[in-house]
C-alpha cells in the first residue's frame, strides 16, 4: 500500500474501562470486543452495541463455527452461550495473581492466548495454545502478553510482549521457532499493545500512550499511521463487508471504539473450531 496518514472516527460511544480485543465475526457480520475491567463481552451488530456480563475479567474473545463465543476469562477458557451461560473448557495452570490477556485463533482453529500478572511484575507469565483438547505452553518468562498475528502465507507469527517495547517475529509451521526482533518502539512513542496483519503483510501496531495505530511493512519499515483521539489505544482488527474497515479499541479515560478505512484490507477473525470437552455442564457467569 502507499504511505498514508488517516484519522479514525468515533464508531461506538461506550465508555469501557479497558476496551480490548476487537474481532470481526464475518459469518454473523458483527464485531466482538471486550471490556477487561468491565468484565463484559461486547457485541456490535452494525448499529447497536450489546454488553454481556461474564462475571470475571475477560482478556479476549473469538467467534466459533457455531453460535457460541470463546472467551478467555481470568483463569479459564469457556464458551459463552446465547443464553449467557458459560461452559468451561479448560482451567489455566496459574493462580489468582495472574490473568489471561490478549488471544486470537490461528487458521487451524486453535486459540493462542497469553497471560500477565495483575501487578505487572515481569517474566512470570506464559503464552498458551489450546486446540479444544490439549493446553500447550508455548512460551514462558513472559511479562505482559499482547498482540499475536500471522503473515498472509502463514510462514511467520508476530508477537508482542509489551514490556520489551517491540514486536517479535517467529518462523511458523503450526509451532513457533527462531524468535527475533521485528520492530522496536521508542518509549516516547508509546507502549506496544495489540496488533493486526493486513492482506499485504503489513503489521498494524496499537500504541498505548501513543494515540495511534502504526503500520510496518514486511521489512519492518513504518509506512502508515492511523491517529486516534484517545491516549490509550489497545488493539485493532479488520472487518466490515469487504474487510477494508479497521476497528480500534481504547481504554479509559476514553474507552470508546473507533473506525477508519486505512487503504488496505485484512482478514476477518479465524473461528475456534473445537468445542471439546462436550460433557461439561454449563455454569452461570462468575
Foldseek 3Di string as FASTA:
>chain_A
DAFEEAAWAFDFQDAAAFKDEWFQPAVQRWIWIDRQVVQWIWIGNRDDIDTQHQQFRWAYWFAAPDQWIWTFGFFFIWTQDPVRWTFTQDGHPDDPQKGKHDWAADQVQKIWTKMAGPVQDFQAIFIWIGQSPDIGTQDGGARAWAAWDAFLVRQKIWTDRFVVQFIWIFGGDPHTDDIDTQEHDDVCQATWHYWFAANQGWIWTWGQQRQWIWTAHPNRHTRYIYGHPARGWHYWAFDDPQQQKIWTAGHPPRGGIIIDRRPGGHDGGNHNYYNPPPPTDIDHRD
